Protein backbone atom coordinates (compact mmCIF):
# COMPACT_ATOMS: atom_id res chain seq x y z
CA UNK A 1 0.00 0.00 0.00
CA UNK A 2 1.24 3.48 -0.83
CA UNK A 3 0.72 6.48 1.44
CA UNK A 4 2.02 10.03 1.47
CA UNK A 5 4.22 10.40 4.57
CA UNK A 6 5.37 13.92 5.41
CA UNK A 7 4.87 14.97 1.79
CA UNK A 8 6.71 12.00 0.24
CA UNK A 9 5.41 8.83 -1.36
CA UNK A 10 6.02 5.89 1.00
CA UNK A 11 5.41 2.20 0.32
CA UNK A 12 4.11 0.43 3.43
CA UNK A 13 4.91 -3.20 4.16
CA UNK A 14 1.77 -5.36 3.94
CA UNK A 15 1.66 -5.98 7.70
CA UNK A 16 1.28 -2.24 8.53
CA UNK A 17 -2.43 -1.47 8.75
CA UNK A 18 -2.83 1.10 11.56
CA UNK A 19 -1.29 4.32 12.79
CA UNK A 20 0.15 2.46 15.82
CA UNK A 21 1.80 -0.15 13.59
CA UNK A 22 3.27 2.60 11.42
CA UNK A 23 4.73 4.33 14.48
CA UNK A 24 6.27 1.04 15.62
CA UNK A 25 7.64 0.39 12.13
CA UNK A 26 9.28 3.84 12.12
CA UNK A 27 10.56 3.30 15.71
CA UNK A 28 8.58 6.33 16.91
CA UNK A 29 6.14 4.53 19.23
CA UNK A 30 8.08 5.49 22.39
CA UNK A 31 8.37 9.18 21.47
CA UNK A 32 5.98 12.09 21.81
CA UNK A 33 4.51 12.32 18.31
CA UNK A 34 1.77 14.40 16.75
CA UNK A 35 0.01 12.41 14.00
CA UNK A 36 -2.28 13.85 11.36
CA UNK A 37 -4.14 11.69 8.83
CA UNK A 38 -5.76 13.46 5.91
CA UNK A 39 -5.39 16.81 7.72
CA UNK A 40 -7.09 15.55 10.87
CA UNK A 41 -5.12 15.22 14.12
CA UNK A 42 -5.38 11.69 15.51
CA UNK A 43 -5.49 11.50 19.33
CA UNK A 44 -3.21 8.88 20.88
CA UNK A 45 -6.20 6.82 22.03
CA UNK A 46 -7.20 6.44 18.34
CA UNK A 47 -3.84 5.16 17.04
CA UNK A 48 -5.49 1.82 16.17
CA UNK A 49 -7.17 3.76 13.32
CA UNK A 50 -6.75 1.99 9.99
CA UNK A 51 -4.48 3.38 7.28
CA UNK A 52 -5.79 3.33 3.70
CA UNK A 53 -4.22 3.57 0.25
CA UNK A 54 -3.07 7.14 -0.55
CA UNK A 55 -3.75 8.48 2.97
CA UNK A 56 -1.76 11.63 3.65
CA UNK A 57 0.01 11.23 6.98
CA UNK A 58 2.07 13.89 8.71
CA UNK A 59 4.15 13.11 11.79
CA UNK A 60 5.96 15.57 13.99
CA UNK A 61 8.16 14.39 16.83
CA UNK A 62 10.13 16.43 19.28
CA UNK A 63 13.91 16.34 19.56
CA UNK A 64 15.75 17.63 22.59
CA UNK A 65 18.94 19.60 22.48
CA UNK A 66 20.38 22.98 23.09
PDB file of N, CA and C in Angstrom:
ATOM      1  N   UNK A   1       0.848  -1.168   0.000  1.00  0.00           N
ATOM      2  CA  UNK A   1       0.000   0.000   0.000  1.00  0.00           C
ATOM      3  C   UNK A   1       0.896   1.235   0.000  1.00  0.00           C
ATOM      4  N   UNK A   2       0.487   2.237  -0.752  1.00  0.00           N
ATOM      5  CA  UNK A   2       1.240   3.477  -0.829  1.00  0.00           C
ATOM      6  C   UNK A   2       0.502   4.592  -0.088  1.00  0.00           C
ATOM      7  N   UNK A   3       1.254   5.320   0.740  1.00  0.00           N
ATOM      8  CA  UNK A   3       0.715   6.480   1.442  1.00  0.00           C
ATOM      9  C   UNK A   3       1.615   7.679   1.128  1.00  0.00           C
ATOM     10  N   UNK A   4       1.180   8.845   1.533  1.00  0.00           N
ATOM     11  CA  UNK A   4       2.023  10.032   1.471  1.00  0.00           C
ATOM     12  C   UNK A   4       2.426  10.323   2.915  1.00  0.00           C
ATOM     13  N   UNK A   5       3.702  10.215   3.216  1.00  0.00           N
ATOM     14  CA  UNK A   5       4.218  10.403   4.571  1.00  0.00           C
ATOM     15  C   UNK A   5       5.092  11.641   4.591  1.00  0.00           C
ATOM     16  N   UNK A   6       4.648  12.642   5.324  1.00  0.00           N
ATOM     17  CA  UNK A   6       5.366  13.920   5.413  1.00  0.00           C
ATOM     18  C   UNK A   6       5.717  14.465   4.029  1.00  0.00           C
ATOM     19  N   UNK A   7       4.724  14.383   3.120  1.00  0.00           N
ATOM     20  CA  UNK A   7       4.869  14.965   1.792  1.00  0.00           C
ATOM     21  C   UNK A   7       5.560  14.095   0.765  1.00  0.00           C
ATOM     22  N   UNK A   8       5.997  12.893   1.152  1.00  0.00           N
ATOM     23  CA  UNK A   8       6.710  12.004   0.241  1.00  0.00           C
ATOM     24  C   UNK A   8       5.970  10.682   0.082  1.00  0.00           C
ATOM     25  N   UNK A   9       5.998  10.138  -1.124  1.00  0.00           N
ATOM     26  CA  UNK A   9       5.408   8.829  -1.362  1.00  0.00           C
ATOM     27  C   UNK A   9       6.157   7.785  -0.527  1.00  0.00           C
ATOM     28  N   UNK A  10       5.415   6.889   0.127  1.00  0.00           N
ATOM     29  CA  UNK A  10       6.023   5.886   1.000  1.00  0.00           C
ATOM     30  C   UNK A  10       5.272   4.579   0.817  1.00  0.00           C
ATOM     31  N   UNK A  11       5.998   3.526   0.515  1.00  0.00           N
ATOM     32  CA  UNK A  11       5.410   2.196   0.324  1.00  0.00           C
ATOM     33  C   UNK A  11       5.417   1.454   1.655  1.00  0.00           C
ATOM     34  N   UNK A  12       4.229   1.138   2.156  1.00  0.00           N
ATOM     35  CA  UNK A  12       4.114   0.431   3.429  1.00  0.00           C
ATOM     36  C   UNK A  12       4.258  -1.073   3.236  1.00  0.00           C
ATOM     37  N   UNK A  13       4.945  -1.737   4.163  1.00  0.00           N
ATOM     38  CA  UNK A  13       4.913  -3.204   4.155  1.00  0.00           C
ATOM     39  C   UNK A  13       3.475  -3.684   4.371  1.00  0.00           C
ATOM     40  N   UNK A  14       3.142  -4.847   3.875  1.00  0.00           N
ATOM     41  CA  UNK A  14       1.772  -5.357   3.936  1.00  0.00           C
ATOM     42  C   UNK A  14       1.239  -5.517   5.351  1.00  0.00           C
ATOM     43  N   UNK A  15       2.129  -5.738   6.328  1.00  0.00           N
ATOM     44  CA  UNK A  15       1.664  -5.976   7.698  1.00  0.00           C
ATOM     45  C   UNK A  15       1.338  -4.679   8.452  1.00  0.00           C
ATOM     46  N   UNK A  16       1.575  -3.520   7.874  1.00  0.00           N
ATOM     47  CA  UNK A  16       1.284  -2.242   8.526  1.00  0.00           C
ATOM     48  C   UNK A  16      -0.113  -1.801   8.113  1.00  0.00           C
ATOM     49  N   UNK A  17      -1.037  -1.783   9.078  1.00  0.00           N
ATOM     50  CA  UNK A  17      -2.426  -1.469   8.755  1.00  0.00           C
ATOM     51  C   UNK A  17      -3.032  -0.399   9.650  1.00  0.00           C
ATOM     52  N   UNK A  18      -2.288   0.081  10.658  1.00  0.00           N
ATOM     53  CA  UNK A  18      -2.830   1.096  11.563  1.00  0.00           C
ATOM     54  C   UNK A  18      -1.766   2.156  11.854  1.00  0.00           C
ATOM     55  N   UNK A  19      -2.214   3.258  12.399  1.00  0.00           N
ATOM     56  CA  UNK A  19      -1.289   4.322  12.790  1.00  0.00           C
ATOM     57  C   UNK A  19      -0.285   3.783  13.806  1.00  0.00           C
ATOM     58  N   UNK A  20      -0.741   3.025  14.797  1.00  0.00           N
ATOM     59  CA  UNK A  20       0.154   2.461  15.816  1.00  0.00           C
ATOM     60  C   UNK A  20       1.219   1.571  15.187  1.00  0.00           C
ATOM     61  N   UNK A  21       0.830   0.720  14.259  1.00  0.00           N
ATOM     62  CA  UNK A  21       1.796  -0.155  13.591  1.00  0.00           C
ATOM     63  C   UNK A  21       2.807   0.656  12.784  1.00  0.00           C
ATOM     64  N   UNK A  22       2.357   1.744  12.169  1.00  0.00           N
ATOM     65  CA  UNK A  22       3.272   2.603  11.421  1.00  0.00           C
ATOM     66  C   UNK A  22       4.278   3.254  12.364  1.00  0.00           C
ATOM     67  N   UNK A  23       3.820   3.743  13.503  1.00  0.00           N
ATOM     68  CA  UNK A  23       4.735   4.334  14.483  1.00  0.00           C
ATOM     69  C   UNK A  23       5.772   3.315  14.953  1.00  0.00           C
ATOM     70  N   UNK A  24       5.336   2.093  15.204  1.00  0.00           N
ATOM     71  CA  UNK A  24       6.266   1.038  15.621  1.00  0.00           C
ATOM     72  C   UNK A  24       7.260   0.730  14.507  1.00  0.00           C
ATOM     73  N   UNK A  25       6.787   0.660  13.289  1.00  0.00           N
ATOM     74  CA  UNK A  25       7.642   0.391  12.125  1.00  0.00           C
ATOM     75  C   UNK A  25       8.723   1.464  11.977  1.00  0.00           C
ATOM     76  N   UNK A  26       8.353   2.721  12.249  1.00  0.00           N
ATOM     77  CA  UNK A  26       9.284   3.840  12.116  1.00  0.00           C
ATOM     78  C   UNK A  26      10.073   4.093  13.406  1.00  0.00           C
ATOM     79  N   UNK A  27       9.937   3.205  14.385  1.00  0.00           N
ATOM     80  CA  UNK A  27      10.564   3.305  15.713  1.00  0.00           C
ATOM     81  C   UNK A  27      10.272   4.659  16.383  1.00  0.00           C
ATOM     82  N   UNK A  28       9.013   5.088  16.276  1.00  0.00           N
ATOM     83  CA  UNK A  28       8.576   6.325  16.909  1.00  0.00           C
ATOM     84  C   UNK A  28       7.543   6.078  18.007  1.00  0.00           C
ATOM     85  N   UNK A  29       7.226   4.830  18.292  1.00  0.00           N
ATOM     86  CA  UNK A  29       6.144   4.528  19.230  1.00  0.00           C
ATOM     87  C   UNK A  29       6.452   4.940  20.666  1.00  0.00           C
ATOM     88  N   UNK A  30       7.713   5.105  21.020  1.00  0.00           N
ATOM     89  CA  UNK A  30       8.083   5.488  22.388  1.00  0.00           C
ATOM     90  C   UNK A  30       8.310   6.989  22.520  1.00  0.00           C
ATOM     91  N   UNK A  31       8.142   7.745  21.441  1.00  0.00           N
ATOM     92  CA  UNK A  31       8.372   9.184  21.467  1.00  0.00           C
ATOM     93  C   UNK A  31       7.047   9.938  21.520  1.00  0.00           C
ATOM     94  N   UNK A  32       7.142  11.207  21.885  1.00  0.00           N
ATOM     95  CA  UNK A  32       5.983  12.086  21.808  1.00  0.00           C
ATOM     96  C   UNK A  32       5.842  12.488  20.347  1.00  0.00           C
ATOM     97  N   UNK A  33       4.719  12.101  19.739  1.00  0.00           N
ATOM     98  CA  UNK A  33       4.507  12.324  18.313  1.00  0.00           C
ATOM     99  C   UNK A  33       3.126  12.919  18.098  1.00  0.00           C
ATOM    100  N   UNK A  34       3.049  13.889  17.204  1.00  0.00           N
ATOM    101  CA  UNK A  34       1.766  14.404  16.748  1.00  0.00           C
ATOM    102  C   UNK A  34       1.505  13.755  15.390  1.00  0.00           C
ATOM    103  N   UNK A  35       0.349  13.112  15.248  1.00  0.00           N
ATOM    104  CA  UNK A  35       0.011  12.414  14.004  1.00  0.00           C
ATOM    105  C   UNK A  35      -1.236  13.051  13.398  1.00  0.00           C
ATOM    106  N   UNK A  36      -1.143  13.292  12.104  1.00  0.00           N
ATOM    107  CA  UNK A  36      -2.276  13.848  11.365  1.00  0.00           C
ATOM    108  C   UNK A  36      -2.520  12.935  10.168  1.00  0.00           C
ATOM    109  N   UNK A  37      -3.767  12.515   9.983  1.00  0.00           N
ATOM    110  CA  UNK A  37      -4.139  11.686   8.833  1.00  0.00           C
ATOM    111  C   UNK A  37      -5.183  12.460   8.040  1.00  0.00           C
ATOM    112  N   UNK A  38      -4.869  12.709   6.789  1.00  0.00           N
ATOM    113  CA  UNK A  38      -5.759  13.463   5.906  1.00  0.00           C
ATOM    114  C   UNK A  38      -6.207  14.780   6.548  1.00  0.00           C
ATOM    115  N   UNK A  39      -5.210  15.484   7.108  1.00  0.00           N
ATOM    116  CA  UNK A  39      -5.395  16.811   7.717  1.00  0.00           C
ATOM    117  C   UNK A  39      -6.259  16.807   8.977  1.00  0.00           C
ATOM    118  N   UNK A  40      -6.348  15.666   9.621  1.00  0.00           N
ATOM    119  CA  UNK A  40      -7.093  15.548  10.874  1.00  0.00           C
ATOM    120  C   UNK A  40      -6.162  14.976  11.937  1.00  0.00           C
ATOM    121  N   UNK A  41      -5.988  15.700  13.041  1.00  0.00           N
ATOM    122  CA  UNK A  41      -5.125  15.219  14.124  1.00  0.00           C
ATOM    123  C   UNK A  41      -5.750  13.978  14.749  1.00  0.00           C
ATOM    124  N   UNK A  42      -4.918  12.960  14.935  1.00  0.00           N
ATOM    125  CA  UNK A  42      -5.376  11.694  15.507  1.00  0.00           C
ATOM    126  C   UNK A  42      -4.927  11.637  16.966  1.00  0.00           C
ATOM    127  N   UNK A  43      -5.872  11.628  17.920  1.00  0.00           N
ATOM    128  CA  UNK A  43      -5.490  11.499  19.334  1.00  0.00           C
ATOM    129  C   UNK A  43      -4.831  10.144  19.593  1.00  0.00           C
ATOM    130  N   UNK A  44      -3.949  10.103  20.569  1.00  0.00           N
ATOM    131  CA  UNK A  44      -3.209   8.875  20.877  1.00  0.00           C
ATOM    132  C   UNK A  44      -4.136   7.685  21.120  1.00  0.00           C
ATOM    133  N   UNK A  45      -5.281   7.929  21.749  1.00  0.00           N
ATOM    134  CA  UNK A  45      -6.196   6.817  22.025  1.00  0.00           C
ATOM    135  C   UNK A  45      -6.853   6.267  20.756  1.00  0.00           C
ATOM    136  N   UNK A  46      -6.645   6.912  19.615  1.00  0.00           N
ATOM    137  CA  UNK A  46      -7.201   6.436  18.343  1.00  0.00           C
ATOM    138  C   UNK A  46      -6.122   5.925  17.383  1.00  0.00           C
ATOM    139  N   UNK A  47      -4.938   5.620  17.893  1.00  0.00           N
ATOM    140  CA  UNK A  47      -3.838   5.161  17.042  1.00  0.00           C
ATOM    141  C   UNK A  47      -4.098   3.790  16.403  1.00  0.00           C
ATOM    142  N   UNK A  48      -5.140   3.084  16.834  1.00  0.00           N
ATOM    143  CA  UNK A  48      -5.493   1.822  16.165  1.00  0.00           C
ATOM    144  C   UNK A  48      -6.248   2.076  14.860  1.00  0.00           C
ATOM    145  N   UNK A  49      -6.480   3.351  14.555  1.00  0.00           N
ATOM    146  CA  UNK A  49      -7.168   3.763  13.319  1.00  0.00           C
ATOM    147  C   UNK A  49      -6.479   3.158  12.098  1.00  0.00           C
ATOM    148  N   UNK A  50      -7.277   2.624  11.190  1.00  0.00           N
ATOM    149  CA  UNK A  50      -6.750   1.989   9.985  1.00  0.00           C
ATOM    150  C   UNK A  50      -6.144   3.018   9.038  1.00  0.00           C
ATOM    151  N   UNK A  51      -5.110   2.587   8.330  1.00  0.00           N
ATOM    152  CA  UNK A  51      -4.483   3.379   7.277  1.00  0.00           C
ATOM    153  C   UNK A  51      -4.975   2.825   5.944  1.00  0.00           C
ATOM    154  N   UNK A  52      -5.283   3.730   5.016  1.00  0.00           N
ATOM    155  CA  UNK A  52      -5.787   3.327   3.702  1.00  0.00           C
ATOM    156  C   UNK A  52      -4.866   3.824   2.587  1.00  0.00           C
ATOM    157  N   UNK A  53      -4.978   3.190   1.443  1.00  0.00           N
ATOM    158  CA  UNK A  53      -4.221   3.573   0.247  1.00  0.00           C
ATOM    159  C   UNK A  53      -4.332   5.080   0.017  1.00  0.00           C
ATOM    160  N   UNK A  54      -3.185   5.711  -0.218  1.00  0.00           N
ATOM    161  CA  UNK A  54      -3.065   7.140  -0.546  1.00  0.00           C
ATOM    162  C   UNK A  54      -3.440   8.090   0.594  1.00  0.00           C
ATOM    163  N   UNK A  55      -3.567   7.577   1.830  1.00  0.00           N
ATOM    164  CA  UNK A  55      -3.754   8.480   2.967  1.00  0.00           C
ATOM    165  C   UNK A  55      -2.554   9.419   3.041  1.00  0.00           C
ATOM    166  N   UNK A  56      -2.821  10.651   3.436  1.00  0.00           N
ATOM    167  CA  UNK A  56      -1.764  11.631   3.653  1.00  0.00           C
ATOM    168  C   UNK A  56      -1.517  11.718   5.153  1.00  0.00           C
ATOM    169  N   UNK A  57      -0.332  11.300   5.557  1.00  0.00           N
ATOM    170  CA  UNK A  57       0.010  11.228   6.979  1.00  0.00           C
ATOM    171  C   UNK A  57       1.182  12.162   7.253  1.00  0.00           C
ATOM    172  N   UNK A  58       1.005  13.002   8.254  1.00  0.00           N
ATOM    173  CA  UNK A  58       2.072  13.893   8.706  1.00  0.00           C
ATOM    174  C   UNK A  58       2.406  13.500  10.134  1.00  0.00           C
ATOM    175  N   UNK A  59       3.696  13.430  10.433  1.00  0.00           N
ATOM    176  CA  UNK A  59       4.149  13.110  11.793  1.00  0.00           C
ATOM    177  C   UNK A  59       5.185  14.127  12.213  1.00  0.00           C
ATOM    178  N   UNK A  60       4.999  14.637  13.411  1.00  0.00           N
ATOM    179  CA  UNK A  60       5.964  15.568  13.991  1.00  0.00           C
ATOM    180  C   UNK A  60       6.378  14.983  15.318  1.00  0.00           C
ATOM    181  N   UNK A  61       7.691  14.846  15.518  1.00  0.00           N
ATOM    182  CA  UNK A  61       8.164  14.391  16.829  1.00  0.00           C
ATOM    183  C   UNK A  61       9.195  15.384  17.336  1.00  0.00           C
ATOM    184  N   UNK A  62       9.295  15.448  18.623  1.00  0.00           N
ATOM    185  CA  UNK A  62      10.130  16.432  19.280  1.00  0.00           C
ATOM    186  C   UNK A  62      11.516  15.875  19.550  1.00  0.00           C
ATOM    187  N   UNK A  63      12.511  16.718  19.341  1.00  0.00           N
ATOM    188  CA  UNK A  63      13.906  16.340  19.558  1.00  0.00           C
ATOM    189  C   UNK A  63      14.498  17.316  20.568  1.00  0.00           C
ATOM    190  N   UNK A  64      15.119  16.780  21.587  1.00  0.00           N
ATOM    191  CA  UNK A  64      15.749  17.633  22.594  1.00  0.00           C
ATOM    192  C   UNK A  64      17.122  18.110  22.145  1.00  0.00           C
ATOM    193  N   UNK A  65      17.604  19.093  22.810  1.00  0.00           N
ATOM    194  CA  UNK A  65      18.936  19.598  22.481  1.00  0.00           C
ATOM    195  C   UNK A  65      19.048  21.055  22.897  1.00  0.00           C
ATOM    196  N   UNK A  66      20.214  21.600  22.672  1.00  0.00           N
ATOM    197  CA  UNK A  66      20.384  22.978  23.086  1.00  0.00           C
ATOM    198  C   UNK A  66      21.351  23.733  22.260  1.00  0.00           C
TER     199      UNK A  66
END
